[in-house]
């Protein structure tokens, strides 16, 4: 039963009930007690945050709804992880979500904690209609450049989808040489649930790869910086040199390699 009278502790317990109406809480704003008014204000702020979150989540289905209106049923979101690091592969993921997927908690992977990403990835892989992953290594990145390597990873991810998509939503790019209609969306991982889901999968797959690399090359701290050019990573590069997983075409690695190659050879064949 709704009520707006009683002690502050009684009202605090009452206001936590799931069936409390906004109309009843707003009446508390007229209470003469400051503590009661604060309880009502806090409750109303929380409901406003929930309303905005529901609106955000609904808006992130906008592009999927538009493609479904055109007759496309299976819509794949595509995103990548690892374009910027100095080491490791670039990874892309493609995800087809069911129309009734619950997107609660889904967001751009960079805005989530590792634990949140891991939990979401498990749910995405369990409930998605299809998930595909593509990975292109550092040697190929050096050979074809990072943009083309990213496109390669995205095509690999799409080719791994079963069933195949009717349309593709990609984060900020138009993917060359794919047989599906597509739409590139700037900041797509914040505007499309399908792209956000792909972002989560790509990020977690790549992070796992870098964690494994950290065990193979413990001096470099790959588990901490995931290959990005942090000060401790650059220091490790100077101290221990370039590994097979470093991208030699990227400026900090290329410049370091140039310096190392220019060092004089000392007796015995070692560099100073």
Protein backbone atom coordinates (compact mmCIF):
# COMPACT_ATOMS: atom_id res chain seq x y z
CA UNK A 1 0.00 0.00 0.00
CA UNK A 2 1.34 3.41 -0.95
CA UNK A 3 1.92 5.84 1.86
CA UNK A 4 3.81 9.03 2.43
CA UNK A 5 3.57 9.34 6.20
CA UNK A 6 5.58 7.79 9.01
CA UNK A 7 9.07 8.09 10.36
CA UNK A 8 11.99 8.71 8.03
CA UNK A 9 13.17 5.10 8.49
CA UNK A 10 9.69 3.79 7.66
CA UNK A 11 9.53 5.98 4.55
CA UNK A 12 13.06 4.86 3.56
CA UNK A 13 11.93 1.22 3.70
CA UNK A 14 8.68 1.98 1.86
CA UNK A 15 10.33 3.94 -0.95
CA UNK A 16 12.53 0.94 -1.79
CA UNK A 17 9.52 -1.21 -2.67
CA UNK A 18 9.22 -2.03 -6.39
CA UNK A 19 5.59 -0.93 -6.71
CA UNK A 20 6.04 2.63 -5.43
CA UNK A 21 4.59 5.17 -7.86
CA UNK A 22 6.27 8.38 -8.96
CA UNK A 23 3.14 10.31 -8.02
CA UNK A 24 3.35 9.08 -4.44
CA UNK A 25 7.07 9.90 -4.19
CA UNK A 26 6.52 13.41 -5.55
CA UNK A 27 4.10 14.05 -2.67
CA UNK A 28 7.05 13.54 -0.33
CA UNK A 29 8.64 16.68 -1.77
CA UNK A 30 6.00 18.64 0.16
CA UNK A 31 6.98 17.05 3.48
CA UNK A 32 8.27 19.50 6.08
CA UNK A 33 11.19 17.21 6.95
CA UNK A 34 14.40 17.77 4.94
CA UNK A 35 15.36 14.10 5.30
CA UNK A 36 12.12 12.96 3.68
CA UNK A 37 12.51 15.45 0.83
CA UNK A 38 16.09 14.19 0.23
CA UNK A 39 14.83 10.60 0.02
CA UNK A 40 12.27 11.64 -2.58
CA UNK A 41 14.81 13.65 -4.58
CA UNK A 42 17.27 10.76 -4.63
CA UNK A 43 14.54 8.33 -5.75
CA UNK A 44 13.43 10.67 -8.55
CA UNK A 45 17.03 11.21 -9.76
CA UNK A 46 17.55 7.45 -9.88
CA UNK A 47 14.38 6.95 -11.90
CA UNK A 48 15.45 9.71 -14.29
CA UNK A 49 18.80 7.95 -14.83
CA UNK A 50 16.95 4.70 -15.49
CA UNK A 51 14.65 6.43 -17.98
CA UNK A 52 17.59 7.93 -19.86
CA UNK A 53 19.35 4.57 -19.94
CA UNK A 54 16.23 2.91 -21.37
CA UNK A 55 16.06 5.62 -24.03
CA UNK A 56 19.76 5.16 -24.85
CA UNK A 57 19.38 1.42 -25.19
CA UNK A 58 16.29 1.77 -27.38
CA UNK A 59 18.01 4.34 -29.60
CA UNK A 60 20.88 1.91 -30.16
CA UNK A 61 18.47 -0.36 -32.07
CA UNK A 62 17.69 2.48 -34.53
CA UNK A 63 19.94 1.30 -37.36
CA UNK A 64 18.96 -2.34 -36.94
CA UNK A 65 15.26 -1.36 -37.12
CA UNK A 66 15.89 0.64 -40.30
CA UNK A 67 17.51 -2.33 -42.01
CA UNK A 68 14.78 -4.69 -40.82
CA UNK A 69 12.24 -2.32 -42.34
CA UNK A 70 14.02 -2.94 -45.67
CA UNK A 71 13.53 -6.69 -45.27
CA UNK A 72 16.92 -7.58 -43.77
CA UNK A 73 16.58 -10.04 -40.89
CA UNK A 74 20.14 -10.96 -39.96
CA UNK A 75 22.14 -7.79 -39.35
CA UNK A 76 25.80 -8.14 -38.44
CA UNK A 77 27.70 -5.57 -36.43
CA UNK A 78 31.44 -5.41 -37.15
CA UNK A 79 34.19 -3.76 -35.13
CA UNK A 80 37.92 -4.10 -34.55
CA UNK A 81 40.39 -3.92 -31.71
CA UNK A 82 44.09 -3.18 -31.96
CA UNK A 83 44.64 -0.73 -34.79
CA UNK A 84 46.85 1.53 -32.68
CA UNK A 85 49.21 -0.72 -30.68
CA UNK A 86 52.87 -1.24 -31.52
CA UNK A 87 52.61 -5.00 -31.04
CA UNK A 88 50.22 -7.86 -31.56
CA UNK A 89 47.50 -8.56 -34.10
CA UNK A 90 44.53 -6.51 -35.19
CA UNK A 91 41.34 -8.40 -34.35
CA UNK A 92 37.86 -7.95 -35.80
CA UNK A 93 34.58 -9.49 -34.71
CA UNK A 94 31.21 -9.78 -36.42
CA UNK A 95 28.06 -10.45 -34.39
CA UNK A 96 24.44 -11.07 -35.39
CA UNK A 97 22.16 -10.45 -32.42
CA UNK A 98 18.61 -11.75 -32.19
CA UNK A 99 15.90 -9.10 -32.33
CA UNK A 100 14.91 -9.81 -28.72
CA UNK A 101 18.45 -9.62 -27.30
CA UNK A 102 18.56 -7.87 -23.91
CA UNK A 103 21.16 -5.11 -24.35
CA UNK A 104 21.38 -4.12 -20.68
CA UNK A 105 24.96 -3.19 -19.88
CA UNK A 106 26.06 -3.27 -23.52
CA UNK A 107 28.22 -0.30 -24.50
CA UNK A 108 31.39 0.62 -26.31
CA UNK A 109 33.90 -1.92 -25.00
CA UNK A 110 36.35 0.82 -24.03
CA UNK A 111 33.81 2.13 -21.50
CA UNK A 112 33.53 -1.24 -19.73
CA UNK A 113 35.72 -2.94 -17.14
CA UNK A 114 37.47 -6.23 -18.03
CA UNK A 115 35.01 -8.11 -15.82
CA UNK A 116 32.02 -6.46 -17.52
CA UNK A 117 33.44 -7.24 -20.95
CA UNK A 118 34.04 -10.88 -20.03
CA UNK A 119 30.50 -11.29 -18.71
CA UNK A 120 29.00 -9.62 -21.77
CA UNK A 121 31.09 -11.69 -24.17
CA UNK A 122 29.86 -14.88 -22.53
CA UNK A 123 26.24 -13.74 -22.92
CA UNK A 124 26.78 -12.54 -26.48
CA UNK A 125 28.35 -15.83 -27.57
CA UNK A 126 25.58 -17.77 -25.84
CA UNK A 127 22.66 -15.82 -27.29
CA UNK A 128 23.87 -14.42 -30.63
CA UNK A 129 22.65 -15.96 -33.88
CA UNK A 130 26.26 -16.01 -35.09
CA UNK A 131 29.71 -14.77 -34.05
CA UNK A 132 32.79 -14.56 -36.26
CA UNK A 133 36.34 -13.48 -35.44
CA UNK A 134 39.22 -12.49 -37.71
CA UNK A 135 42.84 -11.90 -36.70
CA UNK A 136 45.75 -10.52 -38.75
CA UNK A 137 49.28 -10.72 -37.37
CA UNK A 138 52.01 -8.10 -37.11
CA UNK A 139 53.95 -9.38 -40.12
CA UNK A 140 50.93 -9.00 -42.37
CA UNK A 141 50.19 -5.57 -40.92
CA UNK A 142 53.73 -4.53 -41.85
CA UNK A 143 53.30 -5.94 -45.35
CA UNK A 144 49.89 -4.49 -46.30
CA UNK A 145 49.49 -1.57 -43.77
CA UNK A 146 47.16 -1.41 -40.79
CA UNK A 147 44.05 -0.22 -42.65
CA UNK A 148 44.18 -3.04 -45.18
CA UNK A 149 44.95 -5.52 -42.40
CA UNK A 150 41.87 -4.26 -40.53
CA UNK A 151 39.73 -4.81 -43.62
CA UNK A 152 41.19 -8.31 -43.94
CA UNK A 153 40.30 -9.12 -40.33
CA UNK A 154 36.77 -7.79 -40.84
CA UNK A 155 36.27 -9.90 -43.97
CA UNK A 156 37.55 -12.95 -42.08
CA UNK A 157 35.11 -12.27 -39.25
CA UNK A 158 32.19 -11.92 -41.66
CA UNK A 159 33.15 -15.10 -43.50
CA UNK A 160 32.93 -16.95 -40.18
CA UNK A 161 29.26 -16.09 -39.67
CA UNK A 162 26.80 -18.96 -40.02
CA UNK A 163 24.16 -18.01 -41.00
CA UNK A 164 25.48 -15.25 -43.23
CA UNK A 165 24.18 -11.72 -42.68
CA UNK A 166 21.64 -9.87 -44.80
CA UNK A 167 23.31 -6.54 -44.00
CA UNK A 168 26.38 -5.23 -42.20
CA UNK A 169 26.80 -2.32 -39.79
CA UNK A 170 30.47 -1.34 -39.41
CA UNK A 171 32.14 1.05 -37.02
CA UNK A 172 33.25 4.12 -39.03
CA UNK A 173 34.41 2.27 -42.16
CA UNK A 174 33.16 0.88 -45.45
CA UNK A 175 34.60 -2.60 -45.84
CA UNK A 176 35.86 -3.30 -49.38
CA UNK A 177 35.03 -6.48 -51.25
CA UNK A 178 32.17 -7.92 -49.20
CA UNK A 179 29.01 -9.31 -50.81
CA UNK A 180 26.58 -7.73 -48.34
CA UNK A 181 24.91 -4.32 -48.23
CA UNK A 182 26.57 -2.28 -45.52
CA UNK A 183 26.49 0.95 -43.56
CA UNK A 184 29.44 2.62 -41.88
CA UNK A 185 28.47 4.46 -38.70
CA UNK A 186 30.77 7.00 -37.05
CA UNK A 187 31.15 6.05 -33.37
CA UNK A 188 29.05 3.03 -34.20
CA UNK A 189 30.03 1.16 -31.04
CA UNK A 190 28.06 3.79 -29.10
CA UNK A 191 25.14 3.94 -31.56
CA UNK A 192 24.43 0.31 -32.47
CA UNK A 193 24.02 -2.70 -30.21
CA UNK A 194 25.28 -5.01 -32.95
CA UNK A 195 28.51 -3.02 -33.35
CA UNK A 196 28.89 -2.68 -29.56
CA UNK A 197 28.60 -6.47 -29.23
CA UNK A 198 31.29 -6.92 -31.90
CA UNK A 199 33.47 -4.40 -30.06
CA UNK A 200 33.22 -6.43 -26.86
CA UNK A 201 34.13 -9.69 -28.59
CA UNK A 202 37.03 -8.19 -30.55
CA UNK A 203 38.47 -6.46 -27.49
CA UNK A 204 38.30 -9.52 -25.25
CA UNK A 205 39.75 -11.85 -27.89
CA UNK A 206 42.68 -9.51 -28.48
CA UNK A 207 43.27 -8.93 -24.77
CA UNK A 208 43.46 -12.70 -24.24
CA UNK A 209 46.00 -12.95 -27.07
CA UNK A 210 48.13 -10.23 -25.49
CA UNK A 211 47.90 -11.89 -22.07
CA UNK A 212 49.33 -15.04 -23.66
CA UNK A 213 52.08 -12.95 -25.29
CA UNK A 214 52.92 -11.54 -21.85
CA UNK A 215 53.75 -15.05 -20.67
CA UNK A 216 55.94 -15.61 -23.74
CA UNK A 217 57.69 -12.23 -23.40
CA UNK A 218 57.42 -11.36 -19.69
CA UNK A 219 59.85 -8.42 -19.85
CA UNK A 220 57.49 -6.30 -21.96
CA UNK A 221 54.36 -6.13 -19.78
CA UNK A 222 51.95 -6.94 -22.61
CA UNK A 223 49.30 -7.96 -20.08
CA UNK A 224 49.28 -4.39 -18.76
CA UNK A 225 49.40 -2.21 -21.88
CA UNK A 226 48.20 -4.72 -24.52
CA UNK A 227 50.90 -3.54 -26.92
CA UNK A 228 50.13 0.18 -26.86
CA UNK A 229 53.03 2.62 -26.81
CA UNK A 230 53.04 3.38 -23.10
CA UNK A 231 56.23 4.72 -21.47
CA UNK A 232 57.04 1.36 -19.85
CA UNK A 233 56.49 -0.44 -23.17
CA UNK A 234 58.82 1.98 -24.98
CA UNK A 235 61.40 1.57 -22.23
CA UNK A 236 61.20 -2.23 -22.54
CA UNK A 237 61.65 -1.93 -26.31
CA UNK A 238 64.83 0.10 -25.82
CA UNK A 239 66.15 -2.29 -23.20
CA UNK A 240 65.24 -5.67 -24.67
CA UNK A 241 64.77 -4.96 -28.37
CA UNK A 242 62.07 -5.83 -30.90
CA UNK A 243 60.12 -9.09 -30.68
CA UNK A 244 58.50 -11.01 -33.55
CA UNK A 245 55.09 -9.67 -32.51
CA UNK A 246 56.11 -6.00 -32.82
CA UNK A 247 54.91 -3.99 -35.82
CA UNK A 248 58.11 -2.84 -37.51
CA UNK A 249 56.25 -0.44 -39.80
CA UNK A 250 54.98 1.60 -36.84
CA UNK A 251 57.10 4.69 -36.20
CA UNK A 252 58.40 4.03 -32.65
CA UNK A 253 59.44 0.48 -33.56
CA UNK A 254 60.79 1.47 -36.97
CA UNK A 255 62.84 4.30 -35.48
CA UNK A 256 64.24 2.06 -32.78
CA UNK A 257 65.16 -0.59 -35.33
CA UNK A 258 66.90 2.07 -37.42
CA UNK A 259 68.96 3.16 -34.41
CA UNK A 260 69.87 -0.44 -33.56
CA UNK A 261 70.94 -1.17 -37.14
CA UNK A 262 73.16 1.91 -37.16
CA UNK A 263 75.09 0.90 -34.05
CA UNK A 264 78.68 -0.18 -34.75
CA UNK A 265 79.55 -3.86 -34.66
CA UNK A 266 82.00 -4.75 -31.91
CA UNK A 267 84.39 -7.68 -31.97
CA UNK A 268 82.50 -10.94 -31.67
CA UNK A 269 79.63 -9.70 -33.81
CA UNK A 270 77.56 -8.13 -31.04
CA UNK A 271 76.29 -4.55 -31.16
CA UNK A 272 77.28 -2.09 -28.50
